[in-house]
Amino acid sequence: MLGPRTDAEAGRTARVLAGVATHDRPVERAVALRQATAAAGELVAALSALAPALAGEDVPAESTSQSYFRVREVELSDQQAALHGAMVIHRGLEDLCDAPLSGADLALEVAAMRQSVLDLTGAVPGDDPGSVPAVTVPDAGDGPSLETVWSARWLIGHQVHVLFNVCAAVAVADAARQLRHGEGDVALLRLADATVYVRGFPAAMNHASTIPADYYMAAIRQTMAPPSTDVPLSGRQHRGYKLFRAAMKDLLALVPESFEQLADRAPELAEARGALLEADIVDAERHVTLAYSMVHLRRSIAQRPEGPDNAVAELRLMRHRRAAQYAPLIRFGDHYVADAVTGLRHS
């Protein structure tokens, strides 16, 4: 808890975010998004009143990826972590007001944003919807060029994705710690929180990619490879994602039983673990289709020239490996792929 004002603003932001996905008409949804953006702006102001944001430009980048996506890693107080997270959410919501994201992905991304607000501030949203900021959808006026908006969106969506990665890693690590301490009910809640974030992973990536594929190929893709950068950029370089994968590995080492075995011992835990793993598989699957929509059958900029696959094939292989690993751990496992992977290993 960061004080009465920030708690109130965080709770209100969470309530407004919860209502965004309930609007199924474009105009209503646009108004709801602008209300959420205004609420997030008020939360940023309340947190900034406690202490200003750190200047990210003053923190050295630890990798080419951090430099490119304007992400930094540094120890923060609870207030600073909440402020910088809220700033990422605020920028993301501002862009979502205009990004042509599907209603389904919008709901997933906003749900993960809401969970971020709750986790970062410790606020409780409550049941009373309360008042929301009175805003109107402005008429389209002179603004930045579409190319400027598209380039900014590429970075904003990735920053939201990084926030979700870090929050998911913390939630999974919390769940594992609670399980070790015998706090099963709390662990279930944290697994549910982690699932919200993981479902938000592909939504945030789709948000970043709501730009014309031709513009991505002509103007953005080349900025992520030499000579524009020291090394080609890839998802493997994102530290937040590495933290999430490490947390998932630890969780599965702690709870390695098959779905049926775990369901006999702890049915709610089996379902909660299964929901998280299903979301993780779907994230991999959607990465395949997103890459295809952006680069078709071209090679990844991070692939070695002598490699046999293109970007889509490499991502599909990652999906198959994950699905094979999770097949015995979830209710509807992909046993066809699991059997094929096992056969390849023994051939």
Protein backbone atom coordinates (compact mmCIF):
# COMPACT_ATOMS: atom_id res chain seq x y z
CA MET A 1 0.00 0.00 0.00
CA LEU A 2 1.47 3.34 -1.03
CA GLY A 3 -0.90 5.75 0.71
CA PRO A 4 -4.60 6.68 0.57
CA ARG A 5 -4.42 8.74 -2.62
CA THR A 6 -2.43 6.23 -4.63
CA ASP A 7 -4.54 3.37 -3.28
CA ALA A 8 -7.70 5.17 -4.37
CA GLU A 9 -6.31 5.99 -7.82
CA ALA A 10 -4.98 2.45 -8.31
CA GLY A 11 -8.32 0.96 -7.30
CA ARG A 12 -10.18 3.27 -9.64
CA THR A 13 -7.78 2.49 -12.50
CA ALA A 14 -8.29 -1.22 -11.92
CA ARG A 15 -12.07 -0.83 -11.92
CA VAL A 16 -12.06 1.22 -15.13
CA LEU A 17 -9.76 -1.29 -16.83
CA ALA A 18 -12.07 -4.10 -15.79
CA GLY A 19 -14.90 -2.37 -17.64
CA VAL A 20 -13.10 -1.75 -20.94
CA ALA A 21 -13.63 -5.24 -22.33
CA THR A 22 -17.36 -5.20 -21.58
CA HIS A 23 -17.97 -2.64 -24.35
CA ASP A 24 -18.56 -4.35 -27.67
CA ARG A 25 -19.34 -1.28 -29.78
CA PRO A 26 -16.39 0.63 -31.26
CA VAL A 27 -17.46 4.08 -30.00
CA GLU A 28 -18.24 2.83 -26.50
CA ARG A 29 -14.95 0.94 -26.40
CA ALA A 30 -13.07 4.06 -27.53
CA VAL A 31 -14.65 6.08 -24.71
CA ALA A 32 -13.87 3.35 -22.18
CA LEU A 33 -10.24 3.23 -23.31
CA ARG A 34 -9.90 7.00 -22.95
CA GLN A 35 -11.45 6.76 -19.50
CA ALA A 36 -8.92 4.10 -18.58
CA THR A 37 -6.11 6.24 -20.01
CA ALA A 38 -7.23 9.20 -17.93
CA ALA A 39 -7.44 7.04 -14.79
CA ALA A 40 -3.95 5.67 -15.43
CA GLY A 41 -2.69 9.23 -15.90
CA GLU A 42 -4.14 10.18 -12.51
CA LEU A 43 -2.42 7.17 -10.97
CA VAL A 44 0.91 8.23 -12.49
CA ALA A 45 0.40 11.74 -11.09
CA ALA A 46 -0.40 10.39 -7.62
CA LEU A 47 2.66 8.15 -7.60
CA SER A 48 4.86 10.93 -9.01
CA ALA A 49 3.81 13.16 -6.10
CA LEU A 50 5.56 10.72 -3.75
CA ALA A 51 8.81 10.76 -5.73
CA PRO A 52 9.62 11.54 -9.37
CA ALA A 53 10.45 8.84 -11.90
CA LEU A 54 14.04 7.84 -12.44
CA ALA A 55 15.61 9.05 -15.66
CA GLY A 56 16.02 5.85 -17.63
CA GLU A 57 18.51 7.48 -19.97
CA ASP A 58 20.90 7.84 -17.00
CA VAL A 59 20.90 4.07 -16.39
CA PRO A 60 23.40 2.22 -18.62
CA ALA A 61 21.87 -0.39 -20.93
CA GLU A 62 23.08 -3.93 -20.20
CA SER A 63 22.35 -5.23 -23.70
CA THR A 64 21.61 -4.09 -27.23
CA SER A 65 18.03 -5.20 -26.69
CA GLN A 66 17.62 -2.96 -23.63
CA SER A 67 19.05 -0.03 -25.55
CA TYR A 68 16.79 -0.57 -28.57
CA PHE A 69 13.53 -1.06 -26.67
CA ARG A 70 14.43 1.62 -24.08
CA VAL A 71 14.19 -0.76 -21.18
CA ARG A 72 16.49 -0.66 -18.13
CA GLU A 73 17.02 -2.92 -15.15
CA VAL A 74 17.71 -1.39 -11.74
CA GLU A 75 16.71 -1.93 -8.11
CA LEU A 76 13.57 0.12 -7.33
CA SER A 77 11.56 0.91 -4.25
CA ASP A 78 7.93 -0.22 -4.18
CA GLN A 79 6.84 3.31 -5.09
CA GLN A 80 9.26 3.57 -8.00
CA ALA A 81 8.33 0.12 -9.31
CA ALA A 82 4.66 1.09 -9.17
CA LEU A 83 5.32 4.44 -10.85
CA HIS A 84 7.35 3.06 -13.74
CA GLY A 85 4.90 0.22 -14.25
CA ALA A 86 2.01 2.67 -14.26
CA MET A 87 3.84 4.83 -16.81
CA VAL A 88 4.21 1.83 -19.13
CA ILE A 89 0.51 1.04 -18.73
CA HIS A 90 -0.46 4.67 -19.33
CA ARG A 91 1.56 4.85 -22.56
CA GLY A 92 0.15 1.51 -23.64
CA LEU A 93 -3.43 2.65 -23.05
CA GLU A 94 -2.83 5.91 -24.90
CA ASP A 95 -1.71 3.94 -27.93
CA LEU A 96 -4.52 1.38 -27.60
CA CYS A 97 -6.99 4.23 -28.09
CA ASP A 98 -5.95 4.22 -31.75
CA ALA A 99 -4.34 0.82 -32.36
CA PRO A 100 -6.56 -1.48 -34.46
CA LEU A 101 -6.31 -4.37 -32.01
CA SER A 102 -8.98 -7.08 -32.00
CA GLY A 103 -11.55 -7.01 -29.22
CA ALA A 104 -10.34 -10.37 -27.89
CA ASP A 105 -6.71 -9.27 -27.65
CA LEU A 106 -7.75 -5.93 -26.20
CA ALA A 107 -9.55 -7.75 -23.39
CA LEU A 108 -6.52 -9.93 -22.66
CA GLU A 109 -4.04 -7.04 -22.69
CA VAL A 110 -6.22 -4.80 -20.54
CA ALA A 111 -6.83 -7.65 -18.06
CA ALA A 112 -3.07 -8.07 -17.65
CA MET A 113 -2.67 -4.29 -17.28
CA ARG A 114 -5.29 -4.35 -14.52
CA GLN A 115 -3.47 -7.17 -12.73
CA SER A 116 -0.22 -5.19 -13.03
CA VAL A 117 -1.82 -2.21 -11.31
CA LEU A 118 -3.03 -4.40 -8.46
CA ASP A 119 0.27 -6.24 -8.04
CA LEU A 120 2.48 -3.17 -8.29
CA THR A 121 0.44 -0.99 -5.92
CA GLY A 122 -1.07 -3.56 -3.58
CA ALA A 123 -4.46 -1.92 -4.13
CA VAL A 124 -7.79 -3.70 -3.82
CA PRO A 125 -10.25 -2.76 -6.59
CA GLY A 126 -13.40 -3.33 -4.55
CA ASP A 127 -16.87 -3.98 -5.87
CA ASP A 128 -18.11 -0.40 -6.18
CA PRO A 129 -17.43 0.90 -9.70
CA GLY A 130 -17.28 4.41 -8.29
CA SER A 131 -16.74 7.39 -10.50
CA VAL A 132 -14.69 7.31 -13.65
CA PRO A 133 -13.00 10.24 -15.34
CA ALA A 134 -15.36 12.16 -17.59
CA VAL A 135 -13.77 12.19 -21.01
CA THR A 136 -14.94 12.54 -24.55
CA VAL A 137 -13.49 11.05 -27.69
CA PRO A 138 -11.76 13.98 -29.41
CA ASP A 139 -12.10 14.70 -33.07
CA ALA A 140 -9.17 13.62 -35.16
CA GLY A 141 -6.82 16.55 -35.49
CA ASP A 142 -3.32 17.27 -36.55
CA GLY A 143 -0.94 14.87 -34.88
CA PRO A 144 2.21 12.93 -35.56
CA SER A 145 2.58 11.17 -38.87
CA LEU A 146 1.36 7.60 -39.18
CA GLU A 147 4.95 6.47 -39.57
CA THR A 148 5.87 8.11 -36.25
CA VAL A 149 2.89 6.47 -34.56
CA TRP A 150 3.78 3.05 -35.99
CA SER A 151 7.41 3.29 -34.88
CA ALA A 152 6.39 4.37 -31.38
CA ARG A 153 3.79 1.59 -31.18
CA TRP A 154 6.45 -1.00 -31.91
CA LEU A 155 8.37 0.13 -28.82
CA ILE A 156 5.33 0.73 -26.60
CA GLY A 157 3.86 -2.71 -27.23
CA HIS A 158 7.19 -4.36 -26.47
CA GLN A 159 7.53 -2.37 -23.24
CA VAL A 160 4.09 -3.57 -22.15
CA HIS A 161 5.20 -7.10 -23.02
CA VAL A 162 8.32 -6.70 -20.87
CA LEU A 163 6.19 -5.48 -17.95
CA PHE A 164 3.93 -8.54 -18.27
CA ASN A 165 7.01 -10.82 -18.42
CA VAL A 166 8.43 -9.45 -15.19
CA CYS A 167 5.08 -9.49 -13.39
CA ALA A 168 4.44 -13.06 -14.56
CA ALA A 169 7.86 -14.17 -13.36
CA VAL A 170 7.17 -12.70 -9.93
CA ALA A 171 3.72 -14.30 -9.76
CA VAL A 172 5.03 -17.77 -10.71
CA ALA A 173 7.93 -17.46 -8.24
CA ASP A 174 5.45 -16.37 -5.53
CA ALA A 175 3.25 -19.38 -6.29
CA ALA A 176 6.22 -21.76 -6.00
CA ARG A 177 7.30 -20.19 -2.73
CA GLN A 178 3.79 -20.48 -1.29
CA LEU A 179 3.63 -24.13 -2.31
CA ARG A 180 6.92 -24.80 -0.54
CA HIS A 181 5.50 -23.20 2.60
CA GLY A 182 2.28 -25.20 2.41
CA GLU A 183 0.13 -22.17 1.52
CA GLY A 184 -1.87 -23.83 -1.24
CA ASP A 185 -4.73 -21.34 -1.40
CA VAL A 186 -2.39 -18.38 -1.86
CA ALA A 187 -0.42 -20.33 -4.45
CA LEU A 188 -3.61 -20.90 -6.46
CA LEU A 189 -4.32 -17.17 -6.49
CA ARG A 190 -0.81 -16.37 -7.71
CA LEU A 191 -1.00 -19.03 -10.42
CA ALA A 192 -4.24 -17.43 -11.60
CA ASP A 193 -2.52 -14.02 -11.63
CA ALA A 194 0.37 -15.46 -13.64
CA THR A 195 -2.07 -16.93 -16.14
CA VAL A 196 -3.61 -13.50 -16.70
CA TYR A 197 -0.17 -12.15 -17.56
CA VAL A 198 0.76 -15.02 -19.87
CA ARG A 199 -2.53 -14.65 -21.73
CA GLY A 200 -1.53 -11.01 -22.12
CA PHE A 201 1.85 -11.89 -23.71
CA PRO A 202 0.56 -12.48 -27.26
CA ALA A 203 -1.97 -9.66 -26.94
CA ALA A 204 0.83 -7.20 -26.16
CA MET A 205 2.90 -8.53 -29.06
CA ASN A 206 -0.07 -8.16 -31.38
CA HIS A 207 -0.50 -4.61 -30.04
CA ALA A 208 3.11 -3.86 -31.02
CA SER A 209 2.48 -5.39 -34.42
CA THR A 210 -0.68 -3.48 -35.35
CA ILE A 211 1.31 -1.72 -38.02
CA PRO A 212 1.44 -2.44 -41.75
CA ALA A 213 3.68 -5.40 -42.51
CA ASP A 214 5.16 -3.45 -45.42
CA TYR A 215 6.18 -0.64 -43.06
CA TYR A 216 7.70 -3.14 -40.64
CA MET A 217 9.75 -4.71 -43.44
CA ALA A 218 10.81 -1.40 -44.97
CA ALA A 219 11.46 0.76 -41.92
CA ILE A 220 11.59 -1.19 -38.64
CA ARG A 221 13.12 -4.60 -39.27
CA GLN A 222 16.42 -3.18 -40.50
CA THR A 223 16.82 -1.12 -37.31
CA MET A 224 17.12 -4.33 -35.24
CA ALA A 225 20.12 -5.77 -37.07
CA PRO A 226 23.65 -4.63 -37.98
CA PRO A 227 24.74 -2.06 -38.89
CA SER A 228 21.94 -0.34 -36.94
CA THR A 229 22.66 -2.49 -33.86
CA ASP A 230 25.74 -4.31 -32.60
CA VAL A 231 24.02 -7.71 -32.82
CA PRO A 232 20.70 -8.86 -34.28
CA LEU A 233 17.89 -8.59 -31.74
CA SER A 234 15.82 -11.58 -30.66
CA GLY A 235 13.40 -12.50 -27.91
CA ARG A 236 16.09 -14.57 -26.21
CA GLN A 237 17.82 -11.35 -25.20
CA HIS A 238 14.90 -10.09 -23.06
CA ARG A 239 15.90 -10.60 -19.43
CA GLY A 240 12.30 -10.38 -18.23
CA TYR A 241 11.37 -13.33 -20.41
CA LYS A 242 14.40 -15.29 -19.16
CA LEU A 243 13.22 -14.67 -15.59
CA PHE A 244 9.77 -15.97 -16.50
CA ARG A 245 11.15 -19.11 -18.11
CA ALA A 246 13.37 -19.76 -15.09
CA ALA A 247 10.37 -19.36 -12.77
CA MET A 248 8.34 -21.79 -14.88
CA LYS A 249 11.18 -24.34 -14.76
CA ASP A 250 11.32 -24.04 -10.98
CA LEU A 251 7.55 -24.46 -10.67
CA LEU A 252 7.53 -27.63 -12.78
CA ALA A 253 10.46 -29.04 -10.81
CA LEU A 254 8.40 -28.48 -7.67
CA VAL A 255 5.17 -29.91 -9.12
CA PRO A 256 6.29 -32.46 -11.76
CA GLU A 257 3.40 -34.94 -11.57
CA SER A 258 1.23 -35.72 -14.56
CA PHE A 259 -2.15 -34.04 -14.72
CA GLU A 260 -3.91 -37.20 -13.53
CA GLN A 261 -1.50 -37.76 -10.64
CA LEU A 262 -1.72 -34.16 -9.48
CA ALA A 263 -5.51 -34.11 -9.90
CA ASP A 264 -5.78 -37.09 -7.55
CA ARG A 265 -3.72 -35.27 -4.92
CA ALA A 266 -4.70 -31.63 -5.45
CA PRO A 267 -7.36 -31.13 -8.16
CA GLU A 268 -7.46 -27.32 -7.92
CA LEU A 269 -3.69 -27.11 -8.24
CA ALA A 270 -3.79 -29.42 -11.28
CA GLU A 271 -6.32 -27.15 -12.98
CA ALA A 272 -4.45 -23.94 -12.08
CA ARG A 273 -1.13 -25.32 -13.29
CA GLY A 274 -2.84 -26.59 -16.44
CA ALA A 275 -4.38 -23.20 -17.20
CA LEU A 276 -0.97 -21.54 -16.92
CA LEU A 277 0.71 -24.12 -19.15
CA GLU A 278 -2.07 -23.91 -21.75
CA ALA A 279 -1.59 -20.14 -21.88
CA ASP A 280 2.14 -20.66 -22.34
CA ILE A 281 1.57 -23.02 -25.27
CA VAL A 282 -0.91 -20.63 -26.89
CA ASP A 283 1.63 -17.83 -26.55
CA ALA A 284 4.09 -19.93 -28.56
CA GLU A 285 1.44 -20.80 -31.14
CA ARG A 286 0.41 -17.21 -31.62
CA HIS A 287 4.02 -16.14 -32.00
CA VAL A 288 4.21 -18.47 -35.00
CA THR A 289 1.19 -16.95 -36.71
CA LEU A 290 2.25 -13.40 -35.85
CA ALA A 291 5.68 -13.94 -37.36
CA TYR A 292 4.08 -15.36 -40.51
CA SER A 293 1.83 -12.31 -40.86
CA MET A 294 4.81 -9.96 -40.56
CA VAL A 295 7.68 -11.70 -42.40
CA HIS A 296 5.98 -14.62 -44.20
CA LEU A 297 8.64 -17.25 -45.00
CA ARG A 298 11.70 -15.03 -44.56
CA ARG A 299 14.51 -15.91 -42.22
CA SER A 300 14.79 -14.39 -38.78
CA ILE A 301 17.30 -11.57 -38.48
CA ALA A 302 18.85 -13.49 -35.56
CA GLN A 303 19.31 -16.78 -37.44
CA ARG A 304 22.73 -17.91 -38.57
CA PRO A 305 23.15 -17.91 -42.36
CA GLU A 306 23.90 -21.64 -42.41
CA GLY A 307 20.76 -22.57 -40.46
CA PRO A 308 18.15 -24.67 -42.30
CA ASP A 309 14.95 -23.00 -41.10
CA ASN A 310 13.15 -19.73 -41.51
CA ALA A 311 11.65 -17.68 -38.67
CA VAL A 312 8.26 -19.41 -38.74
CA ALA A 313 9.75 -22.91 -38.78
CA GLU A 314 12.03 -22.10 -35.86
CA LEU A 315 9.17 -20.68 -33.81
CA ARG A 316 7.00 -23.67 -34.69
CA LEU A 317 9.73 -25.99 -33.44
CA MET A 318 9.79 -24.06 -30.14
CA ARG A 319 6.03 -24.51 -29.90
CA HIS A 320 6.30 -28.26 -30.52
CA ARG A 321 8.98 -28.69 -27.87
CA ARG A 322 6.89 -26.82 -25.33
CA ALA A 323 3.74 -28.74 -26.23
CA ALA A 324 5.60 -32.04 -25.93
CA GLN A 325 6.97 -31.10 -22.52
CA TYR A 326 3.54 -30.05 -21.25
CA ALA A 327 1.51 -32.87 -22.83
CA PRO A 328 1.38 -35.08 -19.69
CA LEU A 329 0.88 -32.06 -17.42
CA ILE A 330 -2.36 -30.68 -18.86
CA ARG A 331 -5.81 -32.12 -19.39
CA PHE A 332 -5.79 -31.80 -23.20
CA GLY A 333 -2.13 -32.40 -23.98
CA ASP A 334 -0.78 -32.63 -27.53
CA HIS A 335 0.23 -36.30 -27.29
CA TYR A 336 0.73 -36.62 -31.04
CA VAL A 337 3.59 -34.13 -30.91
CA ALA A 338 4.86 -35.58 -27.63
CA ASP A 339 5.06 -39.05 -29.16
CA ALA A 340 6.79 -37.70 -32.28
CA VAL A 341 9.37 -35.80 -30.21
CA THR A 342 10.02 -38.92 -28.11
CA GLY A 343 10.47 -40.98 -31.27
CA LEU A 344 12.98 -38.49 -32.69
CA ARG A 345 14.99 -38.57 -29.48
CA HIS A 346 15.27 -42.35 -29.65
CA SER A 347 15.92 -42.60 -33.38
